[in-house]
């Protein structure tokens, strides 16, 4: 986790998410899923057991959610970017 101080204004943060586009992000989807999945496997001994519920806030195109489901978690995500939600 990283904490940025001073924080950006809320309007700047929300604006960045709302303006995110899906075309470039989607082109990297499968490689993102693979990277997340391999990271989950690597760190499995420190993570909750398979079957745990996971919430990804700011999930973009959902690649972490897919990786978490493949890993055995019950995963759900929230995303502010209307374009990425599509």
PDB file of N, CA and C in Angstrom:
ATOM      1  N   UNK A   1       0.840  -1.179   0.000  1.00  0.00           N
ATOM      2  CA  UNK A   1       0.000   0.000   0.000  1.00  0.00           C
ATOM      3  C   UNK A   1       0.882   1.238   0.000  1.00  0.00           C
ATOM      4  N   UNK A   2       0.410   2.249  -0.669  1.00  0.00           N
ATOM      5  CA  UNK A   2       1.138   3.510  -0.732  1.00  0.00           C
ATOM      6  C   UNK A   2       0.189   4.625  -0.326  1.00  0.00           C
ATOM      7  N   UNK A   3       0.673   5.513   0.503  1.00  0.00           N
ATOM      8  CA  UNK A   3      -0.119   6.668   0.902  1.00  0.00           C
ATOM      9  C   UNK A   3       0.571   7.915   0.364  1.00  0.00           C
ATOM     10  N   UNK A   4      -0.176   8.735  -0.369  1.00  0.00           N
ATOM     11  CA  UNK A   4       0.362   9.959  -0.945  1.00  0.00           C
ATOM     12  C   UNK A   4      -0.079  11.128  -0.079  1.00  0.00           C
ATOM     13  N   UNK A   5       0.882  11.960   0.317  1.00  0.00           N
ATOM     14  CA  UNK A   5       0.575  13.128   1.124  1.00  0.00           C
ATOM     15  C   UNK A   5       1.370  14.315   0.590  1.00  0.00           C
ATOM     16  N   UNK A   6       0.726  15.411   0.287  1.00  0.00           N
ATOM     17  CA  UNK A   6      -0.702  15.676   0.451  1.00  0.00           C
ATOM     18  C   UNK A   6      -1.509  14.955  -0.635  1.00  0.00           C
ATOM     19  N   UNK A   7      -2.738  14.625  -0.295  1.00  0.00           N
ATOM     20  CA  UNK A   7      -3.630  13.941  -1.240  1.00  0.00           C
ATOM     21  C   UNK A   7      -4.119  14.919  -2.308  1.00  0.00           C
ATOM     22  N   UNK A   8      -4.389  14.350  -3.489  1.00  0.00           N
ATOM     23  CA  UNK A   8      -5.040  15.144  -4.528  1.00  0.00           C
ATOM     24  C   UNK A   8      -6.453  15.482  -4.082  1.00  0.00           C
ATOM     25  N   UNK A   9      -6.993  16.541  -4.619  1.00  0.00           N
ATOM     26  CA  UNK A   9      -8.383  16.901  -4.352  1.00  0.00           C
ATOM     27  C   UNK A   9      -9.293  15.776  -4.873  1.00  0.00           C
ATOM     28  N   UNK A  10     -10.412  15.548  -4.207  1.00  0.00           N
ATOM     29  CA  UNK A  10     -11.336  14.485  -4.619  1.00  0.00           C
ATOM     30  C   UNK A  10     -11.756  14.625  -6.072  1.00  0.00           C
ATOM     31  N   UNK A  11     -12.006  15.835  -6.518  1.00  0.00           N
ATOM     32  CA  UNK A  11     -12.450  16.052  -7.896  1.00  0.00           C
ATOM     33  C   UNK A  11     -11.392  15.575  -8.896  1.00  0.00           C
ATOM     34  N   UNK A  12     -10.123  15.749  -8.589  1.00  0.00           N
ATOM     35  CA  UNK A  12      -9.032  15.305  -9.471  1.00  0.00           C
ATOM     36  C   UNK A  12      -8.997  13.773  -9.523  1.00  0.00           C
ATOM     37  N   UNK A  13      -9.120  13.140  -8.369  1.00  0.00           N
ATOM     38  CA  UNK A  13      -9.097  11.673  -8.307  1.00  0.00           C
ATOM     39  C   UNK A  13     -10.281  11.089  -9.074  1.00  0.00           C
ATOM     40  N   UNK A  14     -11.488  11.563  -8.771  1.00  0.00           N
ATOM     41  CA  UNK A  14     -12.672  11.048  -9.451  1.00  0.00           C
ATOM     42  C   UNK A  14     -12.626  11.330 -10.945  1.00  0.00           C
ATOM     43  N   UNK A  15     -12.146  12.503 -11.325  1.00  0.00           N
ATOM     44  CA  UNK A  15     -12.033  12.852 -12.739  1.00  0.00           C
ATOM     45  C   UNK A  15     -11.111  11.901 -13.485  1.00  0.00           C
ATOM     46  N   UNK A  16     -10.023  11.512 -12.867  1.00  0.00           N
ATOM     47  CA  UNK A  16      -9.093  10.575 -13.497  1.00  0.00           C
ATOM     48  C   UNK A  16      -9.735   9.227 -13.760  1.00  0.00           C
ATOM     49  N   UNK A  17     -10.526   8.759 -12.830  1.00  0.00           N
ATOM     50  CA  UNK A  17     -11.210   7.483 -13.017  1.00  0.00           C
ATOM     51  C   UNK A  17     -12.314   7.587 -14.061  1.00  0.00           C
ATOM     52  N   UNK A  18     -13.051   8.673 -14.027  1.00  0.00           N
ATOM     53  CA  UNK A  18     -14.161   8.828 -14.963  1.00  0.00           C
ATOM     54  C   UNK A  18     -13.681   8.984 -16.395  1.00  0.00           C
ATOM     55  N   UNK A  19     -12.470   9.521 -16.591  1.00  0.00           N
ATOM     56  CA  UNK A  19     -11.941   9.731 -17.930  1.00  0.00           C
ATOM     57  C   UNK A  19     -11.176   8.531 -18.476  1.00  0.00           C
ATOM     58  N   UNK A  20     -10.998   7.492 -17.670  1.00  0.00           N
ATOM     59  CA  UNK A  20     -10.222   6.330 -18.115  1.00  0.00           C
ATOM     60  C   UNK A  20     -10.905   5.664 -19.297  1.00  0.00           C
ATOM     61  N   UNK A  21     -10.120   5.316 -20.294  1.00  0.00           N
ATOM     62  CA  UNK A  21     -10.652   4.662 -21.491  1.00  0.00           C
ATOM     63  C   UNK A  21     -10.385   3.170 -21.464  1.00  0.00           C
ATOM     64  N   UNK A  22     -11.217   2.402 -22.150  1.00  0.00           N
ATOM     65  CA  UNK A  22     -11.120   0.963 -22.095  1.00  0.00           C
ATOM     66  C   UNK A  22     -10.291   0.302 -23.173  1.00  0.00           C
ATOM     67  N   UNK A  23     -10.112   0.924 -24.345  1.00  0.00           N
ATOM     68  CA  UNK A  23      -9.448   0.254 -25.458  1.00  0.00           C
ATOM     69  C   UNK A  23      -8.021  -0.174 -25.128  1.00  0.00           C
ATOM     70  N   UNK A  24      -7.200   0.742 -24.646  1.00  0.00           N
ATOM     71  CA  UNK A  24      -5.818   0.417 -24.319  1.00  0.00           C
ATOM     72  C   UNK A  24      -5.764  -0.543 -23.150  1.00  0.00           C
ATOM     73  N   UNK A  25      -6.574  -0.304 -22.167  1.00  0.00           N
ATOM     74  CA  UNK A  25      -6.585  -1.149 -20.976  1.00  0.00           C
ATOM     75  C   UNK A  25      -6.984  -2.576 -21.339  1.00  0.00           C
ATOM     76  N   UNK A  26      -8.007  -2.734 -22.164  1.00  0.00           N
ATOM     77  CA  UNK A  26      -8.491  -4.060 -22.544  1.00  0.00           C
ATOM     78  C   UNK A  26      -7.472  -4.850 -23.342  1.00  0.00           C
ATOM     79  N   UNK A  27      -6.627  -4.186 -24.101  1.00  0.00           N
ATOM     80  CA  UNK A  27      -5.641  -4.901 -24.919  1.00  0.00           C
ATOM     81  C   UNK A  27      -4.628  -5.646 -24.055  1.00  0.00           C
ATOM     82  N   UNK A  28      -4.497  -5.273 -22.796  1.00  0.00           N
ATOM     83  CA  UNK A  28      -3.548  -5.908 -21.884  1.00  0.00           C
ATOM     84  C   UNK A  28      -4.257  -6.828 -20.885  1.00  0.00           C
ATOM     85  N   UNK A  29      -5.513  -7.110 -21.118  1.00  0.00           N
ATOM     86  CA  UNK A  29      -6.342  -7.814 -20.139  1.00  0.00           C
ATOM     87  C   UNK A  29      -5.773  -9.174 -19.721  1.00  0.00           C
ATOM     88  N   UNK A  30      -5.524 -10.044 -20.677  1.00  0.00           N
ATOM     89  CA  UNK A  30      -5.064 -11.394 -20.343  1.00  0.00           C
ATOM     90  C   UNK A  30      -3.715 -11.386 -19.633  1.00  0.00           C
ATOM     91  N   UNK A  31      -2.810 -10.498 -20.034  1.00  0.00           N
ATOM     92  CA  UNK A  31      -1.513 -10.441 -19.346  1.00  0.00           C
ATOM     93  C   UNK A  31      -1.683  -9.913 -17.921  1.00  0.00           C
ATOM     94  N   UNK A  32      -2.643  -9.024 -17.702  1.00  0.00           N
ATOM     95  CA  UNK A  32      -2.920  -8.541 -16.347  1.00  0.00           C
ATOM     96  C   UNK A  32      -3.476  -9.663 -15.476  1.00  0.00           C
ATOM     97  N   UNK A  33      -4.413 -10.449 -16.021  1.00  0.00           N
ATOM     98  CA  UNK A  33      -4.984 -11.570 -15.272  1.00  0.00           C
ATOM     99  C   UNK A  33      -3.873 -12.531 -14.882  1.00  0.00           C
ATOM    100  N   UNK A  34      -3.013 -12.869 -15.831  1.00  0.00           N
ATOM    101  CA  UNK A  34      -1.913 -13.809 -15.567  1.00  0.00           C
ATOM    102  C   UNK A  34      -0.974 -13.273 -14.486  1.00  0.00           C
ATOM    103  N   UNK A  35      -0.614 -12.004 -14.582  1.00  0.00           N
ATOM    104  CA  UNK A  35       0.284 -11.398 -13.598  1.00  0.00           C
ATOM    105  C   UNK A  35      -0.341 -11.414 -12.201  1.00  0.00           C
ATOM    106  N   UNK A  36      -1.609 -11.034 -12.097  1.00  0.00           N
ATOM    107  CA  UNK A  36      -2.291 -11.056 -10.803  1.00  0.00           C
ATOM    108  C   UNK A  36      -2.379 -12.481 -10.255  1.00  0.00           C
ATOM    109  N   UNK A  37      -2.723 -13.430 -11.116  1.00  0.00           N
ATOM    110  CA  UNK A  37      -2.855 -14.816 -10.679  1.00  0.00           C
ATOM    111  C   UNK A  37      -1.526 -15.356 -10.155  1.00  0.00           C
ATOM    112  N   UNK A  38      -0.445 -15.106 -10.894  1.00  0.00           N
ATOM    113  CA  UNK A  38       0.874 -15.573 -10.449  1.00  0.00           C
ATOM    114  C   UNK A  38       1.273 -14.921  -9.128  1.00  0.00           C
ATOM    115  N   UNK A  39       0.913 -13.679  -8.938  1.00  0.00           N
ATOM    116  CA  UNK A  39       1.205 -12.994  -7.678  1.00  0.00           C
ATOM    117  C   UNK A  39       0.410 -13.616  -6.525  1.00  0.00           C
ATOM    118  N   UNK A  40      -0.844 -13.945  -6.775  1.00  0.00           N
ATOM    119  CA  UNK A  40      -1.653 -14.604  -5.744  1.00  0.00           C
ATOM    120  C   UNK A  40      -1.041 -15.955  -5.373  1.00  0.00           C
ATOM    121  N   UNK A  41      -0.625 -16.719  -6.375  1.00  0.00           N
ATOM    122  CA  UNK A  41      -0.002 -18.020  -6.101  1.00  0.00           C
ATOM    123  C   UNK A  41       1.282 -17.860  -5.290  1.00  0.00           C
ATOM    124  N   UNK A  42       2.099 -16.876  -5.667  1.00  0.00           N
ATOM    125  CA  UNK A  42       3.381 -16.651  -5.004  1.00  0.00           C
ATOM    126  C   UNK A  42       3.201 -16.292  -3.529  1.00  0.00           C
ATOM    127  N   UNK A  43       2.156 -15.540  -3.233  1.00  0.00           N
ATOM    128  CA  UNK A  43       1.943 -15.042  -1.880  1.00  0.00           C
ATOM    129  C   UNK A  43       0.848 -15.805  -1.125  1.00  0.00           C
ATOM    130  N   UNK A  44       0.441 -16.958  -1.630  1.00  0.00           N
ATOM    131  CA  UNK A  44      -0.694 -17.704  -1.086  1.00  0.00           C
ATOM    132  C   UNK A  44      -0.586 -17.970   0.409  1.00  0.00           C
ATOM    133  N   UNK A  45       0.599 -18.239   0.910  1.00  0.00           N
ATOM    134  CA  UNK A  45       0.708 -18.582   2.338  1.00  0.00           C
ATOM    135  C   UNK A  45       0.380 -17.408   3.263  1.00  0.00           C
ATOM    136  N   UNK A  46       0.407 -16.190   2.740  1.00  0.00           N
ATOM    137  CA  UNK A  46       0.097 -15.001   3.548  1.00  0.00           C
ATOM    138  C   UNK A  46      -1.322 -14.483   3.302  1.00  0.00           C
ATOM    139  N   UNK A  47      -2.032 -15.103   2.390  1.00  0.00           N
ATOM    140  CA  UNK A  47      -3.364 -14.633   1.999  1.00  0.00           C
ATOM    141  C   UNK A  47      -4.454 -15.457   2.671  1.00  0.00           C
ATOM    142  N   UNK A  48      -5.670 -14.917   2.700  1.00  0.00           N
ATOM    143  CA  UNK A  48      -6.794 -15.704   3.208  1.00  0.00           C
ATOM    144  C   UNK A  48      -6.964 -16.986   2.385  1.00  0.00           C
ATOM    145  N   UNK A  49      -7.558 -17.989   2.981  1.00  0.00           N
ATOM    146  CA  UNK A  49      -7.769 -19.268   2.305  1.00  0.00           C
ATOM    147  C   UNK A  49      -8.688 -19.101   1.099  1.00  0.00           C
ATOM    148  N   UNK A  50      -8.530 -20.005   0.149  1.00  0.00           N
ATOM    149  CA  UNK A  50      -9.433 -20.019  -1.018  1.00  0.00           C
ATOM    150  C   UNK A  50     -10.863 -20.143  -0.517  1.00  0.00           C
ATOM    151  N   UNK A  51     -11.757 -19.495  -1.216  1.00  0.00           N
ATOM    152  CA  UNK A  51     -13.148 -19.427  -0.782  1.00  0.00           C
ATOM    153  C   UNK A  51     -13.477 -18.127  -0.062  1.00  0.00           C
ATOM    154  N   UNK A  52     -12.430 -17.368   0.313  1.00  0.00           N
ATOM    155  CA  UNK A  52     -12.645 -16.079   0.979  1.00  0.00           C
ATOM    156  C   UNK A  52     -13.285 -15.096   0.007  1.00  0.00           C
ATOM    157  N   UNK A  53     -13.947 -14.103   0.565  1.00  0.00           N
ATOM    158  CA  UNK A  53     -14.561 -13.045  -0.249  1.00  0.00           C
ATOM    159  C   UNK A  53     -13.568 -11.900  -0.405  1.00  0.00           C
ATOM    160  N   UNK A  54     -13.462 -11.393  -1.647  1.00  0.00           N
ATOM    161  CA  UNK A  54     -12.521 -10.326  -1.978  1.00  0.00           C
ATOM    162  C   UNK A  54     -13.287  -9.186  -2.644  1.00  0.00           C
ATOM    163  N   UNK A  55     -13.004  -7.962  -2.234  1.00  0.00           N
ATOM    164  CA  UNK A  55     -13.587  -6.777  -2.853  1.00  0.00           C
ATOM    165  C   UNK A  55     -12.459  -5.939  -3.424  1.00  0.00           C
ATOM    166  N   UNK A  56     -12.496  -5.701  -4.724  1.00  0.00           N
ATOM    167  CA  UNK A  56     -11.497  -4.876  -5.407  1.00  0.00           C
ATOM    168  C   UNK A  56     -12.135  -3.526  -5.715  1.00  0.00           C
ATOM    169  N   UNK A  57     -11.720  -2.496  -5.002  1.00  0.00           N
ATOM    170  CA  UNK A  57     -12.252  -1.150  -5.213  1.00  0.00           C
ATOM    171  C   UNK A  57     -11.338  -0.446  -6.196  1.00  0.00           C
ATOM    172  N   UNK A  58     -11.917   0.015  -7.306  1.00  0.00           N
ATOM    173  CA  UNK A  58     -11.127   0.586  -8.395  1.00  0.00           C
ATOM    174  C   UNK A  58     -10.634  -0.538  -9.286  1.00  0.00           C
ATOM    175  N   UNK A  59     -11.533  -1.438  -9.659  1.00  0.00           N
ATOM    176  CA  UNK A  59     -11.155  -2.682 -10.336  1.00  0.00           C
ATOM    177  C   UNK A  59     -10.866  -2.531 -11.820  1.00  0.00           C
ATOM    178  N   UNK A  60     -10.998  -1.325 -12.369  1.00  0.00           N
ATOM    179  CA  UNK A  60     -10.724  -1.077 -13.794  1.00  0.00           C
ATOM    180  C   UNK A  60     -11.506  -2.065 -14.650  1.00  0.00           C
ATOM    181  N   UNK A  61     -10.834  -2.838 -15.493  1.00  0.00           N
ATOM    182  CA  UNK A  61     -11.507  -3.774 -16.389  1.00  0.00           C
ATOM    183  C   UNK A  61     -11.819  -5.122 -15.773  1.00  0.00           C
ATOM    184  N   UNK A  62     -11.455  -5.337 -14.512  1.00  0.00           N
ATOM    185  CA  UNK A  62     -11.805  -6.563 -13.818  1.00  0.00           C
ATOM    186  C   UNK A  62     -10.789  -7.682 -13.878  1.00  0.00           C
ATOM    187  N   UNK A  63      -9.565  -7.399 -14.331  1.00  0.00           N
ATOM    188  CA  UNK A  63      -8.571  -8.463 -14.469  1.00  0.00           C
ATOM    189  C   UNK A  63      -8.187  -9.079 -13.116  1.00  0.00           C
ATOM    190  N   UNK A  64      -8.092  -8.273 -12.061  1.00  0.00           N
ATOM    191  CA  UNK A  64      -7.784  -8.856 -10.760  1.00  0.00           C
ATOM    192  C   UNK A  64      -8.935  -9.729 -10.278  1.00  0.00           C
ATOM    193  N   UNK A  65     -10.154  -9.310 -10.556  1.00  0.00           N
ATOM    194  CA  UNK A  65     -11.320 -10.103 -10.155  1.00  0.00           C
ATOM    195  C   UNK A  65     -11.269 -11.473 -10.822  1.00  0.00           C
ATOM    196  N   UNK A  66     -10.976 -11.507 -12.115  1.00  0.00           N
ATOM    197  CA  UNK A  66     -10.879 -12.789 -12.810  1.00  0.00           C
ATOM    198  C   UNK A  66      -9.754 -13.648 -12.241  1.00  0.00           C
ATOM    199  N   UNK A  67      -8.612 -13.042 -11.963  1.00  0.00           N
ATOM    200  CA  UNK A  67      -7.494 -13.787 -11.387  1.00  0.00           C
ATOM    201  C   UNK A  67      -7.870 -14.340 -10.014  1.00  0.00           C
ATOM    202  N   UNK A  68      -8.541 -13.531  -9.208  1.00  0.00           N
ATOM    203  CA  UNK A  68      -8.945 -13.969  -7.868  1.00  0.00           C
ATOM    204  C   UNK A  68      -9.945 -15.110  -7.949  1.00  0.00           C
ATOM    205  N   UNK A  69     -10.856 -15.058  -8.905  1.00  0.00           N
ATOM    206  CA  UNK A  69     -11.820 -16.145  -9.082  1.00  0.00           C
ATOM    207  C   UNK A  69     -11.108 -17.426  -9.508  1.00  0.00           C
ATOM    208  N   UNK A  70     -10.149 -17.307 -10.427  1.00  0.00           N
ATOM    209  CA  UNK A  70      -9.369 -18.472 -10.858  1.00  0.00           C
ATOM    210  C   UNK A  70      -8.579 -19.050  -9.691  1.00  0.00           C
ATOM    211  N   UNK A  71      -8.156 -18.196  -8.786  1.00  0.00           N
ATOM    212  CA  UNK A  71      -7.397 -18.617  -7.614  1.00  0.00           C
ATOM    213  C   UNK A  71      -8.289 -19.316  -6.584  1.00  0.00           C
ATOM    214  N   UNK A  72      -9.592 -19.052  -6.664  1.00  0.00           N
ATOM    215  CA  UNK A  72     -10.525 -19.706  -5.751  1.00  0.00           C
ATOM    216  C   UNK A  72     -11.263 -18.787  -4.803  1.00  0.00           C
ATOM    217  N   UNK A  73     -11.142 -17.487  -5.024  1.00  0.00           N
ATOM    218  CA  UNK A  73     -11.849 -16.527  -4.190  1.00  0.00           C
ATOM    219  C   UNK A  73     -13.226 -16.213  -4.775  1.00  0.00           C
ATOM    220  N   UNK A  74     -14.108 -15.741  -3.933  1.00  0.00           N
ATOM    221  CA  UNK A  74     -15.377 -15.163  -4.360  1.00  0.00           C
ATOM    222  C   UNK A  74     -15.105 -13.668  -4.504  1.00  0.00           C
ATOM    223  N   UNK A  75     -14.950 -13.192  -5.731  1.00  0.00           N
ATOM    224  CA  UNK A  75     -14.460 -11.829  -5.966  1.00  0.00           C
ATOM    225  C   UNK A  75     -15.521 -10.940  -6.605  1.00  0.00           C
ATOM    226  N   UNK A  76     -15.546  -9.689  -6.144  1.00  0.00           N
ATOM    227  CA  UNK A  76     -16.445  -8.653  -6.643  1.00  0.00           C
ATOM    228  C   UNK A  76     -15.649  -7.365  -6.770  1.00  0.00           C
ATOM    229  N   UNK A  77     -16.063  -6.490  -7.697  1.00  0.00           N
ATOM    230  CA  UNK A  77     -15.346  -5.229  -7.858  1.00  0.00           C
ATOM    231  C   UNK A  77     -16.268  -4.040  -8.018  1.00  0.00           C
ATOM    232  N   UNK A  78     -15.720  -2.878  -7.703  1.00  0.00           N
ATOM    233  CA  UNK A  78     -16.395  -1.588  -7.897  1.00  0.00           C
ATOM    234  C   UNK A  78     -15.493  -0.713  -8.748  1.00  0.00           C
ATOM    235  N   UNK A  79     -16.069  -0.025  -9.720  1.00  0.00           N
ATOM    236  CA  UNK A  79     -15.290   0.840 -10.607  1.00  0.00           C
ATOM    237  C   UNK A  79     -16.063   2.110 -10.899  1.00  0.00           C
ATOM    238  N   UNK A  80     -15.374   3.260 -10.846  1.00  0.00           N
ATOM    239  CA  UNK A  80     -16.012   4.550 -11.119  1.00  0.00           C
ATOM    240  C   UNK A  80     -16.046   4.889 -12.611  1.00  0.00           C
ATOM    241  N   UNK A  81     -15.093   4.388 -13.385  1.00  0.00           N
ATOM    242  CA  UNK A  81     -15.027   4.721 -14.805  1.00  0.00           C
ATOM    243  C   UNK A  81     -16.140   4.021 -15.569  1.00  0.00           C
ATOM    244  N   UNK A  82     -17.064   4.800 -16.119  1.00  0.00           N
ATOM    245  CA  UNK A  82     -18.160   4.227 -16.881  1.00  0.00           C
ATOM    246  C   UNK A  82     -17.637   3.462 -18.088  1.00  0.00           C
ATOM    247  N   UNK A  83     -16.585   3.954 -18.704  1.00  0.00           N
ATOM    248  CA  UNK A  83     -15.996   3.319 -19.878  1.00  0.00           C
ATOM    249  C   UNK A  83     -15.399   1.947 -19.526  1.00  0.00           C
ATOM    250  N   UNK A  84     -14.696   1.867 -18.413  1.00  0.00           N
ATOM    251  CA  UNK A  84     -14.107   0.591 -18.013  1.00  0.00           C
ATOM    252  C   UNK A  84     -15.155  -0.397 -17.537  1.00  0.00           C
ATOM    253  N   UNK A  85     -16.243   0.092 -16.963  1.00  0.00           N
ATOM    254  CA  UNK A  85     -17.318  -0.803 -16.531  1.00  0.00           C
ATOM    255  C   UNK A  85     -17.937  -1.497 -17.733  1.00  0.00           C
ATOM    256  N   UNK A  86     -18.045  -0.782 -18.852  1.00  0.00           N
ATOM    257  CA  UNK A  86     -18.613  -1.394 -20.069  1.00  0.00           C
ATOM    258  C   UNK A  86     -17.825  -2.619 -20.446  1.00  0.00           C
TER     259      UNK A  86
END
